[in-house]
Amino acid sequence: MTKSGRGDRRREQFVDVGVELLTEGGWQAVTTRAVAERAGANLGLIHYHFGGVANLHTAIARRAGELVINPVLAELFEAADETAALDAVRRLLPATTGDPGITRLAAELVSGATRDPALREVFRDQLRQAREDIAERLGRAHPDWPERRRTGAATLAAALLDGLMLHRMIDPDTPVDPALDALAELVRS
């Protein structure tokens, strides 16, 4: 095993531990000392790999964003058409908003992004990439759509998903099915 391989694994371990701490106690729980203690490592290793808490936080935010966003996109992109995508959203909403870990990560990402410009940049870039990926997927499904329409539809789809997730996180009784039924009617017309 090369030194670089061990170093990469150790760095990933620190990020994983940071995500655990973020899930358990929010950003205030994610300190270099707490990560080092949980990982059974010397505090100096955190500084060696990340240079300090700010870079550690951005690495953790990146991973947390991947954990929140990527599974949703993956399932949506497997859908054959818009109707199947809406069915996927029906399945995803209870699963994601019913998972306390994912819910906490999503809330902490938004909270951290409102307070810390570096975290905002990480999360902003992930959201932009998600919208671009959705627009690209829409372009394959609708090659006749101009770029502006794909971009607009992708932005609406992402905002709709985010909004439904937020509402459902706060109010599990949010009438998601009627909202998706109404959207399905709009898509068909």
C-alpha atoms as a PDB file:
ATOM      1  CA  MET A   1       0.000   0.000   0.000  1.00  0.00           C
ATOM      2  CA  THR A   2       1.413   3.385  -0.946  1.00  0.00           C
ATOM      3  CA  LYS A   3       1.653   6.278   1.471  1.00  0.00           C
ATOM      4  CA  SER A   4      -0.713   8.209  -0.758  1.00  0.00           C
ATOM      5  CA  GLY A   5      -3.299   5.406  -0.609  1.00  0.00           C
ATOM      6  CA  ARG A   6      -3.127   5.275   3.184  1.00  0.00           C
ATOM      7  CA  GLY A   7      -3.336   9.053   3.343  1.00  0.00           C
ATOM      8  CA  ASP A   8      -6.372   9.124   1.072  1.00  0.00           C
ATOM      9  CA  ARG A   9      -8.086   6.435   3.165  1.00  0.00           C
ATOM     10  CA  ARG A  10      -7.312   8.349   6.362  1.00  0.00           C
ATOM     11  CA  ARG A  11      -8.638  11.584   4.873  1.00  0.00           C
ATOM     12  CA  GLU A  12     -11.834   9.793   3.811  1.00  0.00           C
ATOM     13  CA  GLN A  13     -12.158   8.363   7.309  1.00  0.00           C
ATOM     14  CA  PHE A  14     -11.966  11.863   8.770  1.00  0.00           C
ATOM     15  CA  VAL A  15     -14.659  13.077   6.383  1.00  0.00           C
ATOM     16  CA  ASP A  16     -16.884  10.092   7.223  1.00  0.00           C
ATOM     17  CA  VAL A  17     -16.430  10.756  10.929  1.00  0.00           C
ATOM     18  CA  GLY A  18     -17.233  14.416  10.317  1.00  0.00           C
ATOM     19  CA  VAL A  19     -20.469  13.458   8.563  1.00  0.00           C
ATOM     20  CA  GLU A  20     -21.381  11.265  11.540  1.00  0.00           C
ATOM     21  CA  LEU A  21     -20.737  14.155  13.926  1.00  0.00           C
ATOM     22  CA  LEU A  22     -22.691  16.540  11.700  1.00  0.00           C
ATOM     23  CA  THR A  23     -25.630  14.141  11.683  1.00  0.00           C
ATOM     24  CA  GLU A  24     -25.508  13.736  15.451  1.00  0.00           C
ATOM     25  CA  GLY A  25     -24.935  17.295  16.605  1.00  0.00           C
ATOM     26  CA  GLY A  26     -24.831  19.778  13.752  1.00  0.00           C
ATOM     27  CA  TRP A  27     -21.933  21.933  12.641  1.00  0.00           C
ATOM     28  CA  GLN A  28     -21.073  22.947  16.197  1.00  0.00           C
ATOM     29  CA  ALA A  29     -20.219  19.307  16.939  1.00  0.00           C
ATOM     30  CA  VAL A  30     -17.761  19.101  14.033  1.00  0.00           C
ATOM     31  CA  THR A  31     -14.473  20.261  15.499  1.00  0.00           C
ATOM     32  CA  THR A  32     -11.008  19.067  14.582  1.00  0.00           C
ATOM     33  CA  ARG A  33     -10.645  17.706  18.105  1.00  0.00           C
ATOM     34  CA  ALA A  34     -13.947  15.800  17.950  1.00  0.00           C
ATOM     35  CA  VAL A  35     -13.078  14.289  14.554  1.00  0.00           C
ATOM     36  CA  ALA A  36      -9.617  13.278  15.736  1.00  0.00           C
ATOM     37  CA  GLU A  37     -10.971  11.718  18.930  1.00  0.00           C
ATOM     38  CA  ARG A  38     -13.741   9.808  17.126  1.00  0.00           C
ATOM     39  CA  ALA A  39     -11.287   8.603  14.470  1.00  0.00           C
ATOM     40  CA  GLY A  40      -8.710   7.608  17.076  1.00  0.00           C
ATOM     41  CA  ALA A  41      -6.160   9.901  15.483  1.00  0.00           C
ATOM     42  CA  ASN A  42      -3.743  12.593  16.466  1.00  0.00           C
ATOM     43  CA  LEU A  43      -5.156  16.112  16.119  1.00  0.00           C
ATOM     44  CA  GLY A  44      -2.136  17.022  14.006  1.00  0.00           C
ATOM     45  CA  LEU A  45      -3.267  14.599  11.303  1.00  0.00           C
ATOM     46  CA  ILE A  46      -6.455  16.598  10.792  1.00  0.00           C
ATOM     47  CA  HIS A  47      -4.398  19.733  10.285  1.00  0.00           C
ATOM     48  CA  TYR A  48      -1.987  17.844   8.024  1.00  0.00           C
ATOM     49  CA  HIS A  49      -4.796  16.596   5.780  1.00  0.00           C
ATOM     50  CA  PHE A  50      -7.080  19.636   5.863  1.00  0.00           C
ATOM     51  CA  GLY A  51      -5.080  22.589   7.147  1.00  0.00           C
ATOM     52  CA  GLY A  52      -7.764  23.379   9.708  1.00  0.00           C
ATOM     53  CA  VAL A  53     -11.427  23.224  10.488  1.00  0.00           C
ATOM     54  CA  ALA A  54     -12.570  25.360   7.522  1.00  0.00           C
ATOM     55  CA  ASN A  55     -11.238  22.912   4.921  1.00  0.00           C
ATOM     56  CA  LEU A  56     -12.471  19.983   6.988  1.00  0.00           C
ATOM     57  CA  HIS A  57     -15.954  21.522   7.025  1.00  0.00           C
ATOM     58  CA  THR A  58     -15.976  22.036   3.256  1.00  0.00           C
ATOM     59  CA  ALA A  59     -14.947  18.408   2.678  1.00  0.00           C
ATOM     60  CA  ILE A  60     -17.703  17.260   5.037  1.00  0.00           C
ATOM     61  CA  ALA A  61     -20.263  19.541   3.355  1.00  0.00           C
ATOM     62  CA  ARG A  62     -19.296  18.104  -0.020  1.00  0.00           C
ATOM     63  CA  ARG A  63     -19.778  14.536   1.205  1.00  0.00           C
ATOM     64  CA  ALA A  64     -23.028  15.383   3.018  1.00  0.00           C
ATOM     65  CA  GLY A  65     -24.384  17.007  -0.133  1.00  0.00           C
ATOM     66  CA  GLU A  66     -23.516  13.899  -2.110  1.00  0.00           C
ATOM     67  CA  LEU A  67     -25.333  11.744   0.436  1.00  0.00           C
ATOM     68  CA  VAL A  68     -28.442  13.914   0.272  1.00  0.00           C
ATOM     69  CA  ILE A  69     -28.577  14.733  -3.439  1.00  0.00           C
ATOM     70  CA  ASN A  70     -27.047  11.838  -5.379  1.00  0.00           C
ATOM     71  CA  PRO A  71     -29.414   9.011  -4.363  1.00  0.00           C
ATOM     72  CA  VAL A  72     -32.418  11.143  -5.321  1.00  0.00           C
ATOM     73  CA  LEU A  73     -30.942  12.062  -8.696  1.00  0.00           C
ATOM     74  CA  ALA A  74     -29.892   8.484  -9.393  1.00  0.00           C
ATOM     75  CA  GLU A  75     -33.412   7.220  -8.878  1.00  0.00           C
ATOM     76  CA  LEU A  76     -34.936  10.025 -10.927  1.00  0.00           C
ATOM     77  CA  PHE A  77     -32.520   9.401 -13.794  1.00  0.00           C
ATOM     78  CA  GLU A  78     -33.481   5.730 -13.887  1.00  0.00           C
ATOM     79  CA  ALA A  79     -37.075   6.720 -14.658  1.00  0.00           C
ATOM     80  CA  ALA A  80     -38.124   6.019 -18.238  1.00  0.00           C
ATOM     81  CA  ASP A  81     -40.278   9.141 -18.562  1.00  0.00           C
ATOM     82  CA  GLU A  82     -41.870  11.973 -16.592  1.00  0.00           C
ATOM     83  CA  THR A  83     -44.644   9.769 -15.222  1.00  0.00           C
ATOM     84  CA  ALA A  84     -42.110   7.265 -13.914  1.00  0.00           C
ATOM     85  CA  ALA A  85     -40.087  10.157 -12.461  1.00  0.00           C
ATOM     86  CA  LEU A  86     -43.161  11.382 -10.563  1.00  0.00           C
ATOM     87  CA  ASP A  87     -43.696   7.850  -9.273  1.00  0.00           C
ATOM     88  CA  ALA A  88     -40.067   7.847  -8.122  1.00  0.00           C
ATOM     89  CA  VAL A  89     -40.670  11.119  -6.265  1.00  0.00           C
ATOM     90  CA  ARG A  90     -43.673   9.527  -4.553  1.00  0.00           C
ATOM     91  CA  ARG A  91     -41.382   6.753  -3.294  1.00  0.00           C
ATOM     92  CA  LEU A  92     -38.433   8.998  -2.504  1.00  0.00           C
ATOM     93  CA  LEU A  93     -40.180  11.609  -0.395  1.00  0.00           C
ATOM     94  CA  PRO A  94     -41.248   9.322   2.450  1.00  0.00           C
ATOM     95  CA  ALA A  95     -37.918   7.494   2.345  1.00  0.00           C
ATOM     96  CA  THR A  96     -35.718  10.587   2.425  1.00  0.00           C
ATOM     97  CA  THR A  97     -37.806  12.707   4.768  1.00  0.00           C
ATOM     98  CA  GLY A  98     -38.404   9.708   7.018  1.00  0.00           C
ATOM     99  CA  ASP A  99     -34.670   9.137   7.442  1.00  0.00           C
ATOM    100  CA  PRO A 100     -33.547  11.235  10.429  1.00  0.00           C
ATOM    101  CA  GLY A 101     -29.910  11.168   9.298  1.00  0.00           C
ATOM    102  CA  ILE A 102     -30.633  12.441   5.788  1.00  0.00           C
ATOM    103  CA  THR A 103     -33.089  14.995   7.159  1.00  0.00           C
ATOM    104  CA  ARG A 104     -30.495  16.303   9.612  1.00  0.00           C
ATOM    105  CA  LEU A 105     -27.799  16.452   6.933  1.00  0.00           C
ATOM    106  CA  ALA A 106     -30.102  18.381   4.592  1.00  0.00           C
ATOM    107  CA  ALA A 107     -31.026  20.839   7.346  1.00  0.00           C
ATOM    108  CA  GLU A 108     -27.390  21.288   8.370  1.00  0.00           C
ATOM    109  CA  LEU A 109     -26.297  21.864   4.771  1.00  0.00           C
ATOM    110  CA  VAL A 110     -28.824  24.643   4.371  1.00  0.00           C
ATOM    111  CA  SER A 111     -28.078  26.071   7.807  1.00  0.00           C
ATOM    112  CA  GLY A 112     -24.321  25.981   7.263  1.00  0.00           C
ATOM    113  CA  ALA A 113     -24.666  27.519   3.807  1.00  0.00           C
ATOM    114  CA  THR A 114     -26.541  30.491   5.238  1.00  0.00           C
ATOM    115  CA  ARG A 115     -23.763  31.240   7.743  1.00  0.00           C
ATOM    116  CA  ASP A 116     -20.507  30.227   6.077  1.00  0.00           C
ATOM    117  CA  PRO A 117     -19.546  31.468   2.599  1.00  0.00           C
ATOM    118  CA  ALA A 118     -17.282  28.451   1.963  1.00  0.00           C
ATOM    119  CA  LEU A 119     -20.092  26.015   2.797  1.00  0.00           C
ATOM    120  CA  ARG A 120     -22.472  28.094   0.691  1.00  0.00           C
ATOM    121  CA  GLU A 121     -20.101  27.764  -2.263  1.00  0.00           C
ATOM    122  CA  VAL A 122     -19.860  23.976  -1.883  1.00  0.00           C
ATOM    123  CA  PHE A 123     -23.620  23.494  -1.588  1.00  0.00           C
ATOM    124  CA  ARG A 124     -24.334  26.043  -4.341  1.00  0.00           C
ATOM    125  CA  ASP A 125     -22.016  24.168  -6.704  1.00  0.00           C
ATOM    126  CA  GLN A 126     -23.710  20.866  -5.881  1.00  0.00           C
ATOM    127  CA  LEU A 127     -27.158  22.327  -6.494  1.00  0.00           C
ATOM    128  CA  ARG A 128     -26.004  23.863  -9.767  1.00  0.00           C
ATOM    129  CA  GLN A 129     -24.566  20.520 -10.847  1.00  0.00           C
ATOM    130  CA  ALA A 130     -27.827  18.782  -9.951  1.00  0.00           C
ATOM    131  CA  ARG A 131     -29.795  21.264 -12.057  1.00  0.00           C
ATOM    132  CA  GLU A 132     -27.355  20.836 -14.953  1.00  0.00           C
ATOM    133  CA  ASP A 133     -27.668  17.055 -14.706  1.00  0.00           C
ATOM    134  CA  ILE A 134     -31.470  17.303 -14.704  1.00  0.00           C
ATOM    135  CA  ALA A 135     -31.368  19.657 -17.701  1.00  0.00           C
ATOM    136  CA  GLU A 136     -29.055  17.258 -19.545  1.00  0.00           C
ATOM    137  CA  ARG A 137     -31.429  14.357 -18.796  1.00  0.00           C
ATOM    138  CA  LEU A 138     -34.369  16.433 -20.022  1.00  0.00           C
ATOM    139  CA  GLY A 139     -32.401  17.217 -23.176  1.00  0.00           C
ATOM    140  CA  ARG A 140     -32.027  13.511 -23.918  1.00  0.00           C
ATOM    141  CA  ALA A 141     -35.744  12.932 -23.307  1.00  0.00           C
ATOM    142  CA  HIS A 142     -36.761  16.042 -25.277  1.00  0.00           C
ATOM    143  CA  PRO A 143     -34.102  16.808 -27.881  1.00  0.00           C
ATOM    144  CA  ASP A 144     -36.391  19.403 -29.473  1.00  0.00           C
ATOM    145  CA  TRP A 145     -36.434  21.549 -26.319  1.00  0.00           C
ATOM    146  CA  PRO A 146     -34.217  24.615 -26.488  1.00  0.00           C
ATOM    147  CA  GLU A 147     -31.592  25.020 -23.773  1.00  0.00           C
ATOM    148  CA  ARG A 148     -33.576  27.763 -22.020  1.00  0.00           C
ATOM    149  CA  ARG A 149     -36.587  25.453 -21.638  1.00  0.00           C
ATOM    150  CA  ARG A 150     -34.437  22.563 -20.350  1.00  0.00           C
ATOM    151  CA  THR A 151     -32.724  24.879 -17.854  1.00  0.00           C
ATOM    152  CA  GLY A 152     -36.046  26.337 -16.714  1.00  0.00           C
ATOM    153  CA  ALA A 153     -37.698  22.948 -16.361  1.00  0.00           C
ATOM    154  CA  ALA A 154     -34.684  21.584 -14.467  1.00  0.00           C
ATOM    155  CA  THR A 155     -34.764  24.538 -12.077  1.00  0.00           C
ATOM    156  CA  LEU A 156     -38.491  24.051 -11.494  1.00  0.00           C
ATOM    157  CA  ALA A 157     -38.068  20.305 -10.972  1.00  0.00           C
ATOM    158  CA  ALA A 158     -35.244  20.801  -8.456  1.00  0.00           C
ATOM    159  CA  ALA A 159     -37.152  23.536  -6.614  1.00  0.00           C
ATOM    160  CA  LEU A 160     -40.300  21.420  -6.544  1.00  0.00           C
ATOM    161  CA  LEU A 161     -38.420  18.460  -5.122  1.00  0.00           C
ATOM    162  CA  ASP A 162     -36.604  20.614  -2.568  1.00  0.00           C
ATOM    163  CA  GLY A 163     -39.835  22.327  -1.562  1.00  0.00           C
ATOM    164  CA  LEU A 164     -41.780  19.097  -1.170  1.00  0.00           C
ATOM    165  CA  MET A 165     -38.938  17.607   0.872  1.00  0.00           C
ATOM    166  CA  LEU A 166     -38.810  20.677   3.112  1.00  0.00           C
ATOM    167  CA  HIS A 167     -42.565  20.700   3.633  1.00  0.00           C
ATOM    168  CA  ARG A 168     -42.594  16.986   4.357  1.00  0.00           C
ATOM    169  CA  MET A 169     -39.649  17.298   6.784  1.00  0.00           C
ATOM    170  CA  ILE A 170     -41.580  19.925   8.743  1.00  0.00           C
ATOM    171  CA  ASP A 171     -45.058  18.466   8.248  1.00  0.00           C
ATOM    172  CA  PRO A 172     -45.210  14.725   7.533  1.00  0.00           C
ATOM    173  CA  ASP A 173     -48.900  15.170   6.654  1.00  0.00           C
ATOM    174  CA  THR A 174     -48.138  17.428   3.673  1.00  0.00           C
ATOM    175  CA  PRO A 175     -50.506  16.364   0.871  1.00  0.00           C
ATOM    176  CA  VAL A 176     -47.746  15.195  -1.468  1.00  0.00           C
ATOM    177  CA  ASP A 177     -49.890  12.824  -3.535  1.00  0.00           C
ATOM    178  CA  PRO A 178     -52.429  15.483  -4.549  1.00  0.00           C
ATOM    179  CA  ALA A 179     -49.564  17.843  -5.431  1.00  0.00           C
ATOM    180  CA  LEU A 180     -47.903  15.201  -7.604  1.00  0.00           C
ATOM    181  CA  ASP A 181     -51.263  14.285  -9.151  1.00  0.00           C
ATOM    182  CA  ALA A 182     -51.752  17.939 -10.097  1.00  0.00           C
ATOM    183  CA  LEU A 183     -48.242  18.058 -11.545  1.00  0.00           C
ATOM    184  CA  ALA A 184     -48.888  14.860 -13.518  1.00  0.00           C
ATOM    185  CA  GLU A 185     -51.976  16.493 -15.027  1.00  0.00           C
ATOM    186  CA  LEU A 186     -49.902  19.537 -16.005  1.00  0.00           C
ATOM    187  CA  VAL A 187     -47.232  17.335 -17.572  1.00  0.00           C
ATOM    188  CA  ARG A 188     -49.830  15.435 -19.607  1.00  0.00           C
ATOM    189  CA  SER A 189     -51.497  18.601 -20.916  1.00  0.00           C
END
